[in-house]
Amino acid sequence: MMKRLTLSLFLALVSTLTFAQYTTAGDGTTYNIKTLAALSGSGIEEVPPQPDWGSIPVYTIGSSVTVAAGDKFVMDDGIALLFAADVSLTIEGEADFQLTKGSVFGSATDEPYLGSDIIIKGAGTTNFTNCKFSYLGLRLMTEGSVNIDNCKFYDHDGSAAAAVMFVSAGNQSTISNCHFEHCQKAAIGSAANASQPLLIDKCTFEQNSLANNNIPQINITAANQIIIQDCQVTGTPEKNMVGGIGISNFMSFESSVLISGCTISDNRYGIGLVGPADIVRIEDCTLMNNRYETNPMNGGSGISFYDPYLKTQAVISGNHIEGSLWGVTVIGCKDVSLGQPENTDIDSPGGNVFKNNGNGGQLYDLYNNSTLTIYAQNNTWNVTEQTQEQIETVIFHKTDDASLGEVIYWPAASTSSINPSSVLLPPSSLTIYDLNGRPLNVPQKGINIINGKKVVY
């Protein structure tokens, strides 16, 4: 949780002033917080030094400010900007939030609901670097690109659907090396009609969607290039309605999705895709204990596909799926492959490992609730010996219900046993630290820094 200016002090500062929304002239001027604070009626003021903030300058914004189209905004480096309730900073022109020392955007009130955001409307490219957000976030209403790197988002109040919310679709955007924690709704989201091309790279997500609605931590709409790679998404059993990654397509957008190298744990489900997708690849991910759905009929899959339009094509390879109510579930879809090495038309090597997925006393590594014939060769199944007879017991398909499609699971991988610790435990030669930089002999539960990379154990 970020520091906030006390409510009594802030009210004392603004009680004698009444501000209307302030809009710049749009005449080509470049503004920052300091220059806006010097303008009468802007609603931005520098306040006396605050003990909680050390030596950095602290400004308050008591009413909404718009930097008009034609003007430019360059964010000040190394300050704190604290927002009153229901106040926005809107940039309609060019914006630059690339910082070196880093600045903080926080709340000036003691109330949990702030209702404030930074809104980007300019059509160009907007970059955010080394920014920290507490209680408020970003609403992106731009046709341009937005690149967010090494930023942190804490305790977003849920006044928008996500801490970083794409209200409309723009050009390819990137969110990289960012951390999201304890947001009331999703960490990253996009509107149902916003098919936003997006790269989410090396980000960590810790217990978001705390309001415990049916909202995953990443909740985005399909687009022609969605890539989520090398991310860690950690939930908590107490929030049993919160999924890990959810990608939906309610308007039949053209879409391609790649989810690669992610660790997703302790959510209601791991990865859920709803609606059609032209191509989906889920590769080299670790999905652990995504099972906190109270009714197995409503979820709890490591990976699930639901496409009643029968258009989705998906390839699932190299993943470790453990501790889900259902390992992989398929409803509808056009073609789903968990391994078909001899097919030269698709790259589907298999190599998935399943462990302890099931509910009601029954193991379910793969549930084919469709009429598809699904290839699932070269995988390691949750059986003591990789024989056809034993593998059949952890797959639900045509053999169990004649109306369903068949799963072709033979041959299996050559390994005859499952050792999940080989997937989860790093070699002792690696350097391991906690988030505060303290060295560890072995990883602790949660997020660790292993060889300089954030990893969920």
Protein backbone atom coordinates (compact mmCIF):
# COMPACT_ATOMS: atom_id res chain seq x y z
CA MET A 1 0.00 0.00 0.00
CA MET A 2 1.34 3.41 -0.96
CA LYS A 3 1.44 6.37 1.42
CA ARG A 4 -1.38 8.92 1.30
CA LEU A 5 -1.70 12.49 2.43
CA THR A 6 -4.00 12.59 5.43
CA LEU A 7 -7.57 13.61 4.70
CA SER A 8 -7.60 16.40 7.29
CA LEU A 9 -4.51 18.08 5.88
CA PHE A 10 -5.77 17.86 2.31
CA LEU A 11 -9.17 19.28 3.21
CA ALA A 12 -7.47 22.11 5.03
CA LEU A 13 -5.50 22.92 1.91
CA VAL A 14 -8.50 23.02 -0.43
CA SER A 15 -11.30 24.18 1.87
CA THR A 16 -10.89 27.82 0.92
CA LEU A 17 -10.73 27.14 -2.82
CA THR A 18 -13.37 26.06 -5.33
CA PHE A 19 -12.09 24.64 -8.62
CA ALA A 20 -13.90 23.98 -11.87
CA GLN A 21 -12.44 21.55 -14.36
CA TYR A 22 -9.38 23.14 -15.95
CA THR A 23 -8.54 22.73 -19.65
CA THR A 24 -5.43 24.08 -21.33
CA ALA A 25 -5.67 26.26 -24.44
CA GLY A 26 -4.41 23.75 -27.02
CA ASP A 27 -1.95 26.26 -28.46
CA GLY A 28 1.12 24.03 -28.56
CA THR A 29 2.33 24.64 -25.01
CA THR A 30 4.21 21.94 -23.09
CA TYR A 31 3.05 21.43 -19.50
CA ASN A 32 4.14 19.47 -16.46
CA ILE A 33 2.74 19.34 -12.93
CA LYS A 34 4.92 22.21 -11.76
CA THR A 35 3.83 24.54 -14.54
CA LEU A 36 0.17 23.57 -14.12
CA ALA A 37 0.43 24.30 -10.40
CA ALA A 38 1.56 27.84 -11.26
CA LEU A 39 -1.66 28.49 -13.23
CA SER A 40 -4.54 30.05 -11.35
CA GLY A 41 -7.56 27.77 -11.20
CA SER A 42 -5.79 24.59 -12.28
CA GLY A 43 -6.59 22.85 -8.99
CA ILE A 44 -3.01 21.60 -8.66
CA GLU A 45 -0.96 22.79 -5.69
CA GLU A 46 2.37 21.99 -4.13
CA VAL A 47 1.92 21.29 -0.43
CA PRO A 48 4.42 21.61 2.43
CA PRO A 49 6.95 18.78 2.83
CA GLN A 50 5.38 15.62 4.25
CA PRO A 51 7.26 13.37 6.70
CA ASP A 52 5.86 10.23 5.06
CA TRP A 53 7.28 11.23 1.70
CA GLY A 54 10.75 12.30 2.73
CA SER A 55 12.30 15.02 0.63
CA ILE A 56 10.33 14.54 -2.60
CA PRO A 57 7.93 17.33 -3.64
CA VAL A 58 4.25 16.56 -3.04
CA TYR A 59 1.44 18.01 -5.14
CA THR A 60 -2.31 17.64 -4.79
CA ILE A 61 -4.83 17.74 -7.60
CA GLY A 62 -8.20 18.90 -6.29
CA SER A 63 -10.20 19.07 -9.53
CA SER A 64 -9.99 17.47 -12.95
CA VAL A 65 -7.42 18.78 -15.41
CA THR A 66 -7.37 18.26 -19.18
CA VAL A 67 -4.30 18.89 -21.32
CA ALA A 68 -5.98 19.70 -24.61
CA ALA A 69 -5.19 18.30 -28.04
CA GLY A 70 -2.36 20.32 -29.53
CA ASP A 71 -0.62 20.68 -26.18
CA LYS A 72 1.95 18.31 -24.67
CA PHE A 73 2.31 16.93 -21.16
CA VAL A 74 5.67 15.77 -19.77
CA MET A 75 5.46 14.22 -16.31
CA ASP A 76 7.77 15.54 -13.59
CA ASP A 77 10.35 13.06 -12.33
CA GLY A 78 10.66 12.29 -8.62
CA ILE A 79 7.43 13.75 -7.23
CA ALA A 80 4.20 12.54 -5.62
CA LEU A 81 0.87 13.60 -7.15
CA LEU A 82 -2.07 12.91 -4.84
CA PHE A 83 -5.63 12.92 -6.19
CA ALA A 84 -8.83 14.04 -4.52
CA ALA A 85 -11.88 11.82 -5.01
CA ASP A 86 -13.46 11.64 -8.49
CA VAL A 87 -10.69 13.69 -10.10
CA SER A 88 -9.00 12.83 -13.40
CA LEU A 89 -5.90 13.98 -15.23
CA THR A 90 -6.76 13.69 -18.93
CA ILE A 91 -4.21 14.04 -21.71
CA GLU A 92 -5.74 14.68 -25.13
CA GLY A 93 -2.47 15.73 -26.74
CA GLU A 94 0.97 14.19 -26.65
CA ALA A 95 2.02 12.65 -23.32
CA ASP A 96 5.33 11.46 -21.92
CA PHE A 97 5.55 9.62 -18.57
CA GLN A 98 9.08 8.24 -19.04
CA LEU A 99 10.81 8.75 -15.71
CA THR A 100 14.24 7.92 -14.29
CA LYS A 101 13.87 8.47 -10.54
CA GLY A 102 10.18 7.58 -10.66
CA SER A 103 7.04 9.35 -9.45
CA VAL A 104 4.03 8.27 -7.41
CA PHE A 105 0.35 8.74 -8.22
CA GLY A 106 -1.73 8.24 -5.10
CA SER A 107 -4.76 9.17 -3.05
CA ALA A 108 -5.16 12.31 -0.98
CA THR A 109 -8.06 10.86 0.99
CA ASP A 110 -8.41 8.19 3.63
CA GLU A 111 -11.38 6.57 1.87
CA PRO A 112 -10.94 3.21 0.11
CA TYR A 113 -12.86 4.40 -2.98
CA LEU A 114 -11.11 7.16 -4.91
CA GLY A 115 -12.82 7.17 -8.32
CA SER A 116 -9.87 8.89 -10.01
CA ASP A 117 -7.70 7.94 -12.97
CA ILE A 118 -5.17 9.17 -15.49
CA ILE A 119 -6.87 9.14 -18.89
CA ILE A 120 -4.94 8.97 -22.17
CA LYS A 121 -6.75 10.13 -25.32
CA GLY A 122 -3.93 11.33 -27.56
CA ALA A 123 -3.47 9.49 -30.84
CA GLY A 124 0.32 9.14 -30.66
CA THR A 125 2.53 6.80 -28.65
CA THR A 126 2.47 7.24 -24.87
CA ASN A 127 5.21 5.72 -22.72
CA PHE A 128 5.11 5.11 -18.97
CA THR A 129 8.32 4.15 -17.16
CA ASN A 130 9.03 3.87 -13.41
CA CYS A 131 5.59 5.04 -12.27
CA LYS A 132 3.84 3.85 -9.11
CA PHE A 133 0.05 3.93 -8.84
CA SER A 134 -1.94 3.53 -5.64
CA TYR A 135 -5.77 3.41 -5.61
CA LEU A 136 -5.97 4.89 -9.12
CA GLY A 137 -4.91 3.58 -12.49
CA LEU A 138 -4.93 4.21 -16.23
CA ARG A 139 -7.90 4.49 -18.57
CA LEU A 140 -6.69 4.24 -22.15
CA MET A 141 -8.95 5.77 -24.79
CA THR A 142 -6.41 6.21 -27.54
CA GLU A 143 -5.99 5.08 -31.14
CA GLY A 144 -2.24 5.10 -30.62
CA SER A 145 0.12 2.81 -28.74
CA VAL A 146 0.69 2.71 -24.98
CA ASN A 147 3.87 1.20 -23.58
CA ILE A 148 4.11 0.65 -19.82
CA ASP A 149 7.41 -0.57 -18.40
CA ASN A 150 8.66 -1.14 -14.84
CA CYS A 151 5.53 0.33 -13.25
CA LYS A 152 3.64 -0.79 -10.16
CA PHE A 153 -0.09 -0.78 -9.47
CA TYR A 154 -1.37 -1.29 -5.92
CA ASP A 155 -4.85 -1.36 -4.41
CA HIS A 156 -6.76 -0.05 -7.43
CA ASP A 157 -10.17 0.88 -6.07
CA GLY A 158 -12.32 -0.80 -8.73
CA SER A 159 -13.83 2.43 -10.04
CA ALA A 160 -12.80 1.17 -13.49
CA ALA A 161 -12.91 -2.43 -14.65
CA ALA A 162 -9.12 -2.77 -14.35
CA ALA A 163 -6.10 -0.91 -13.04
CA VAL A 164 -4.93 -0.64 -16.66
CA MET A 165 -8.11 -0.47 -18.73
CA PHE A 166 -8.25 -0.28 -22.52
CA VAL A 167 -11.59 1.43 -23.04
CA SER A 168 -11.06 1.54 -26.80
CA ALA A 169 -8.68 -0.25 -29.13
CA GLY A 170 -5.48 1.33 -30.40
CA ASN A 171 -2.25 0.18 -31.99
CA GLN A 172 -0.09 -2.62 -30.65
CA SER A 173 0.77 -1.85 -27.00
CA THR A 174 3.13 -3.36 -24.44
CA ILE A 175 3.01 -3.86 -20.67
CA SER A 176 6.35 -5.17 -19.43
CA ASN A 177 8.18 -5.72 -16.13
CA CYS A 178 5.20 -4.42 -14.15
CA HIS A 179 3.70 -5.54 -10.84
CA PHE A 180 -0.02 -5.55 -9.96
CA GLU A 181 -1.20 -6.27 -6.44
CA HIS A 182 -4.48 -6.19 -4.50
CA CYS A 183 -6.54 -4.47 -7.18
CA GLN A 184 -10.28 -4.66 -6.52
CA LYS A 185 -11.05 -5.75 -10.08
CA ALA A 186 -8.78 -6.96 -12.86
CA ALA A 187 -5.17 -5.86 -13.11
CA ILE A 188 -5.34 -5.49 -16.91
CA GLY A 189 -8.59 -5.32 -18.84
CA SER A 190 -10.15 -4.30 -22.13
CA ALA A 191 -13.73 -3.56 -23.09
CA ALA A 192 -15.72 -6.21 -24.97
CA ASN A 193 -15.64 -4.04 -28.11
CA ALA A 194 -11.93 -3.15 -27.74
CA SER A 195 -9.89 -5.63 -29.74
CA GLN A 196 -6.56 -4.31 -28.45
CA PRO A 197 -3.34 -5.94 -29.75
CA LEU A 198 -1.22 -6.41 -26.66
CA LEU A 199 2.06 -7.83 -25.38
CA ILE A 200 2.18 -8.56 -21.64
CA ASP A 201 5.77 -9.50 -20.82
CA LYS A 202 7.52 -10.43 -17.56
CA CYS A 203 4.82 -9.03 -15.28
CA THR A 204 3.72 -10.28 -11.85
CA PHE A 205 0.14 -10.36 -10.60
CA GLU A 206 -0.56 -10.92 -6.90
CA GLN A 207 -4.10 -11.43 -5.57
CA ASN A 208 -6.03 -9.08 -7.81
CA SER A 209 -9.81 -8.94 -8.34
CA LEU A 210 -10.21 -8.76 -4.57
CA ALA A 211 -13.92 -7.87 -4.89
CA ASN A 212 -14.26 -11.60 -5.72
CA ASN A 213 -16.55 -11.13 -8.70
CA ASN A 214 -16.33 -13.38 -11.74
CA ILE A 215 -13.36 -11.38 -13.07
CA PRO A 216 -9.91 -12.89 -13.76
CA GLN A 217 -6.72 -11.06 -12.90
CA ILE A 218 -6.02 -10.53 -16.61
CA ASN A 219 -9.36 -9.94 -18.35
CA ILE A 220 -8.91 -8.97 -21.99
CA THR A 221 -10.69 -9.19 -25.33
CA ALA A 222 -9.21 -11.20 -28.18
CA ALA A 223 -7.24 -9.32 -30.84
CA ASN A 224 -5.10 -10.07 -33.87
CA GLN A 225 -2.02 -10.32 -31.66
CA ILE A 226 -2.26 -11.14 -27.97
CA ILE A 227 0.99 -12.34 -26.39
CA ILE A 228 1.30 -13.07 -22.66
CA GLN A 229 4.74 -14.39 -21.83
CA ASP A 230 6.95 -15.04 -18.80
CA CYS A 231 4.36 -13.73 -16.33
CA GLN A 232 3.41 -14.94 -12.84
CA VAL A 233 -0.26 -14.82 -11.83
CA THR A 234 -0.89 -15.76 -8.18
CA GLY A 235 -4.32 -15.91 -6.57
CA THR A 236 -5.56 -16.96 -3.16
CA PRO A 237 -8.03 -19.69 -2.07
CA GLU A 238 -10.16 -17.11 -0.24
CA LYS A 239 -11.16 -15.49 -3.56
CA ASN A 240 -12.94 -18.41 -5.17
CA MET A 241 -14.42 -16.45 -8.11
CA VAL A 242 -11.14 -15.10 -9.47
CA GLY A 243 -9.52 -16.70 -12.49
CA GLY A 244 -5.95 -16.32 -13.68
CA ILE A 245 -6.04 -15.31 -17.35
CA GLY A 246 -9.33 -14.80 -19.20
CA ILE A 247 -9.56 -13.96 -22.91
CA SER A 248 -13.01 -13.51 -24.44
CA ASN A 249 -14.32 -12.79 -27.91
CA PHE A 250 -17.99 -11.86 -27.90
CA MET A 251 -17.85 -9.96 -31.22
CA SER A 252 -15.98 -12.48 -33.40
CA PHE A 253 -12.82 -10.39 -33.81
CA GLU A 254 -9.97 -11.89 -35.78
CA SER A 255 -7.58 -13.15 -33.17
CA SER A 256 -4.31 -14.88 -32.46
CA VAL A 257 -3.21 -15.69 -28.92
CA LEU A 258 0.11 -16.91 -27.53
CA ILE A 259 0.50 -17.65 -23.81
CA SER A 260 4.04 -18.81 -23.10
CA GLY A 261 6.30 -19.43 -20.13
CA CYS A 262 3.79 -18.27 -17.51
CA THR A 263 3.31 -19.56 -13.97
CA ILE A 264 -0.33 -19.41 -12.87
CA SER A 265 -1.31 -20.63 -9.42
CA ASP A 266 -4.03 -20.64 -6.75
CA ASN A 267 -6.85 -19.18 -8.83
CA ARG A 268 -10.39 -20.32 -9.57
CA TYR A 269 -9.07 -21.46 -12.96
CA GLY A 270 -5.79 -21.02 -14.78
CA ILE A 271 -6.44 -19.99 -18.39
CA GLY A 272 -9.95 -19.62 -19.80
CA LEU A 273 -10.84 -18.71 -23.38
CA VAL A 274 -14.44 -17.90 -24.29
CA GLY A 275 -15.57 -17.40 -27.86
CA PRO A 276 -13.80 -18.02 -31.17
CA ALA A 277 -10.07 -17.62 -31.79
CA ASP A 278 -8.31 -18.16 -35.09
CA ILE A 279 -5.25 -19.63 -33.41
CA VAL A 280 -4.30 -20.12 -29.77
CA ARG A 281 -0.98 -21.49 -28.57
CA ILE A 282 -0.36 -22.26 -24.89
CA GLU A 283 3.24 -23.31 -24.38
CA ASP A 284 5.65 -24.08 -21.53
CA CYS A 285 3.40 -22.81 -18.74
CA THR A 286 3.15 -24.10 -15.18
CA LEU A 287 -0.42 -24.19 -13.85
CA MET A 288 -0.66 -25.11 -10.18
CA ASN A 289 -3.72 -25.50 -7.92
CA ASN A 290 -6.14 -23.50 -10.04
CA ARG A 291 -9.05 -25.20 -8.34
CA TYR A 292 -10.80 -22.76 -6.03
CA GLU A 293 -14.25 -23.08 -7.58
CA THR A 294 -16.82 -24.38 -5.10
CA ASN A 295 -18.86 -26.09 -7.83
CA PRO A 296 -16.80 -28.16 -10.31
CA MET A 297 -19.57 -27.76 -12.90
CA ASN A 298 -18.77 -24.05 -13.03
CA GLY A 299 -15.01 -24.11 -13.47
CA GLY A 300 -11.74 -25.12 -11.89
CA SER A 301 -9.81 -26.04 -15.06
CA GLY A 302 -6.13 -25.59 -15.60
CA ILE A 303 -6.96 -24.65 -19.21
CA SER A 304 -10.44 -24.39 -20.69
CA PHE A 305 -11.87 -23.59 -24.11
CA TYR A 306 -15.49 -22.68 -24.73
CA ASP A 307 -16.36 -21.92 -28.35
CA PRO A 308 -19.93 -22.69 -29.46
CA TYR A 309 -19.11 -21.21 -32.89
CA LEU A 310 -16.66 -24.07 -33.59
CA LYS A 311 -13.92 -21.76 -34.92
CA THR A 312 -11.14 -22.00 -32.34
CA GLN A 313 -7.90 -23.73 -33.29
CA ALA A 314 -5.58 -24.38 -30.36
CA VAL A 315 -2.24 -26.06 -29.70
CA ILE A 316 -1.22 -26.92 -26.12
CA SER A 317 2.35 -28.09 -25.57
CA GLY A 318 5.05 -28.33 -22.93
CA ASN A 319 2.85 -27.33 -19.99
CA HIS A 320 2.76 -28.66 -16.42
CA ILE A 321 -0.85 -28.82 -15.19
CA GLU A 322 -1.33 -29.87 -11.57
CA GLY A 323 -3.96 -29.66 -8.86
CA SER A 324 -6.92 -28.46 -10.95
CA LEU A 325 -10.47 -29.79 -10.72
CA TRP A 326 -10.12 -30.48 -14.44
CA GLY A 327 -6.79 -30.51 -16.27
CA VAL A 328 -7.87 -29.36 -19.73
CA THR A 329 -11.53 -28.99 -20.78
CA VAL A 330 -12.76 -28.48 -24.34
CA ILE A 331 -16.30 -27.34 -25.17
CA GLY A 332 -16.97 -26.68 -28.84
CA CYS A 333 -13.95 -25.48 -30.90
CA LYS A 334 -12.79 -26.39 -34.40
CA ASP A 335 -9.50 -28.10 -33.68
CA VAL A 336 -7.59 -28.61 -30.42
CA SER A 337 -4.29 -30.48 -30.28
CA LEU A 338 -2.33 -31.46 -27.18
CA GLY A 339 0.22 -33.38 -29.21
CA GLN A 340 0.45 -34.71 -32.74
CA PRO A 341 4.19 -34.90 -33.47
CA GLU A 342 3.87 -36.70 -36.79
CA ASN A 343 1.52 -34.10 -38.30
CA THR A 344 3.67 -31.91 -40.55
CA ASP A 345 0.90 -29.32 -40.94
CA ILE A 346 1.02 -28.11 -37.33
CA ASP A 347 3.75 -27.78 -34.72
CA SER A 348 2.20 -29.77 -31.87
CA PRO A 349 4.90 -31.72 -30.02
CA GLY A 350 2.84 -32.52 -26.90
CA GLY A 351 5.10 -32.78 -23.89
CA ASN A 352 2.44 -31.77 -21.39
CA VAL A 353 2.60 -33.17 -17.85
CA PHE A 354 -0.56 -33.79 -15.79
CA LYS A 355 -0.64 -34.35 -12.04
CA ASN A 356 -3.51 -34.68 -9.53
CA ASN A 357 -6.27 -33.04 -11.56
CA GLY A 358 -9.73 -34.17 -10.53
CA ASN A 359 -12.82 -33.79 -8.39
CA GLY A 360 -15.45 -35.96 -6.77
CA GLY A 361 -12.98 -38.80 -6.33
CA GLN A 362 -12.26 -39.00 -10.08
CA LEU A 363 -9.15 -37.88 -11.96
CA TYR A 364 -9.66 -35.73 -15.05
CA ASP A 365 -6.52 -34.84 -16.98
CA LEU A 366 -8.45 -34.11 -20.19
CA TYR A 367 -12.22 -33.72 -20.60
CA ASN A 368 -13.35 -33.64 -24.23
CA ASN A 369 -16.86 -32.21 -23.93
CA SER A 370 -17.10 -31.72 -27.70
CA THR A 371 -17.54 -33.75 -30.86
CA LEU A 372 -13.92 -33.10 -31.87
CA THR A 373 -11.34 -35.76 -32.36
CA ILE A 374 -8.52 -34.44 -30.17
CA TYR A 375 -4.94 -35.55 -30.58
CA ALA A 376 -3.08 -35.70 -27.27
CA GLN A 377 0.02 -37.74 -27.98
CA ASN A 378 3.45 -37.62 -26.34
CA ASN A 379 2.19 -36.44 -22.95
CA THR A 380 2.83 -37.66 -19.41
CA TRP A 381 -0.44 -38.53 -17.69
CA ASN A 382 -1.30 -38.87 -14.01
CA VAL A 383 -0.97 -42.64 -13.91
CA THR A 384 1.62 -44.88 -12.32
CA GLU A 385 2.52 -46.46 -15.66
CA GLN A 386 2.06 -44.80 -19.05
CA THR A 387 -0.06 -47.60 -20.51
CA GLN A 388 -3.18 -47.26 -22.67
CA GLU A 389 -5.28 -48.96 -20.02
CA GLN A 390 -4.23 -46.59 -17.25
CA ILE A 391 -4.27 -43.41 -19.37
CA GLU A 392 -7.86 -44.16 -20.35
CA THR A 393 -8.90 -43.70 -16.71
CA VAL A 394 -7.87 -40.01 -16.62
CA ILE A 395 -9.43 -38.95 -19.94
CA PHE A 396 -13.16 -38.40 -20.54
CA HIS A 397 -14.21 -38.77 -24.19
CA LYS A 398 -16.08 -41.00 -26.62
CA THR A 399 -15.33 -44.13 -24.65
CA ASP A 400 -17.27 -42.64 -21.71
CA ASP A 401 -20.04 -40.93 -23.72
CA ALA A 402 -20.75 -41.99 -27.30
CA SER A 403 -21.94 -38.48 -28.24
CA LEU A 404 -18.47 -37.02 -27.64
CA GLY A 405 -15.36 -36.99 -29.80
CA GLU A 406 -12.44 -39.33 -29.34
CA VAL A 407 -9.10 -38.46 -27.71
CA ILE A 408 -6.14 -40.09 -29.44
CA TYR A 409 -3.59 -40.22 -26.65
CA TRP A 410 -1.28 -43.00 -27.76
CA PRO A 411 1.68 -43.07 -27.89
CA ALA A 412 2.35 -41.33 -24.59
CA ALA A 413 5.65 -39.76 -23.61
CA SER A 414 8.43 -42.22 -22.91
CA THR A 415 8.69 -41.31 -19.22
CA SER A 416 6.99 -43.78 -16.89
CA SER A 417 6.68 -41.66 -13.77
CA ILE A 418 5.84 -38.10 -12.73
CA ASN A 419 8.19 -36.03 -10.61
CA PRO A 420 6.64 -32.58 -10.27
CA SER A 421 9.46 -31.37 -8.03
CA SER A 422 11.74 -31.43 -11.07
CA VAL A 423 9.48 -28.81 -12.61
CA LEU A 424 8.99 -26.68 -9.52
CA LEU A 425 12.30 -26.70 -7.68
CA PRO A 426 15.23 -24.79 -9.20
CA PRO A 427 18.75 -26.21 -8.96
CA SER A 428 20.57 -25.23 -5.79
CA SER A 429 23.23 -23.45 -7.86
CA LEU A 430 20.79 -20.66 -8.76
CA THR A 431 20.81 -17.35 -6.89
CA ILE A 432 17.52 -16.87 -5.06
CA TYR A 433 16.22 -13.75 -3.29
CA ASP A 434 12.91 -12.57 -1.88
CA LEU A 435 11.25 -9.40 -3.17
CA ASN A 436 13.19 -7.31 -0.64
CA GLY A 437 16.53 -8.55 -1.94
CA ARG A 438 17.26 -10.92 0.97
CA PRO A 439 19.13 -14.07 -0.14
CA LEU A 440 17.34 -17.41 0.27
CA ASN A 441 18.78 -20.90 0.38
CA VAL A 442 15.61 -22.34 -1.16
CA PRO A 443 12.60 -20.58 -2.72
CA GLN A 444 9.80 -19.50 -0.42
CA LYS A 445 6.11 -19.73 -1.25
CA GLY A 446 5.10 -16.81 -3.41
CA ILE A 447 7.27 -14.58 -5.63
CA ASN A 448 11.03 -15.12 -5.63
CA ILE A 449 13.82 -13.48 -7.62
CA ILE A 450 15.66 -16.39 -9.25
CA ASN A 451 18.67 -15.43 -11.38
CA GLY A 452 17.26 -11.92 -11.61
CA LYS A 453 13.77 -12.98 -12.73
CA LYS A 454 10.54 -12.90 -10.74
CA VAL A 455 9.25 -16.46 -10.36
CA VAL A 456 6.27 -17.77 -8.41
CA TYR A 457 7.02 -20.86 -6.32
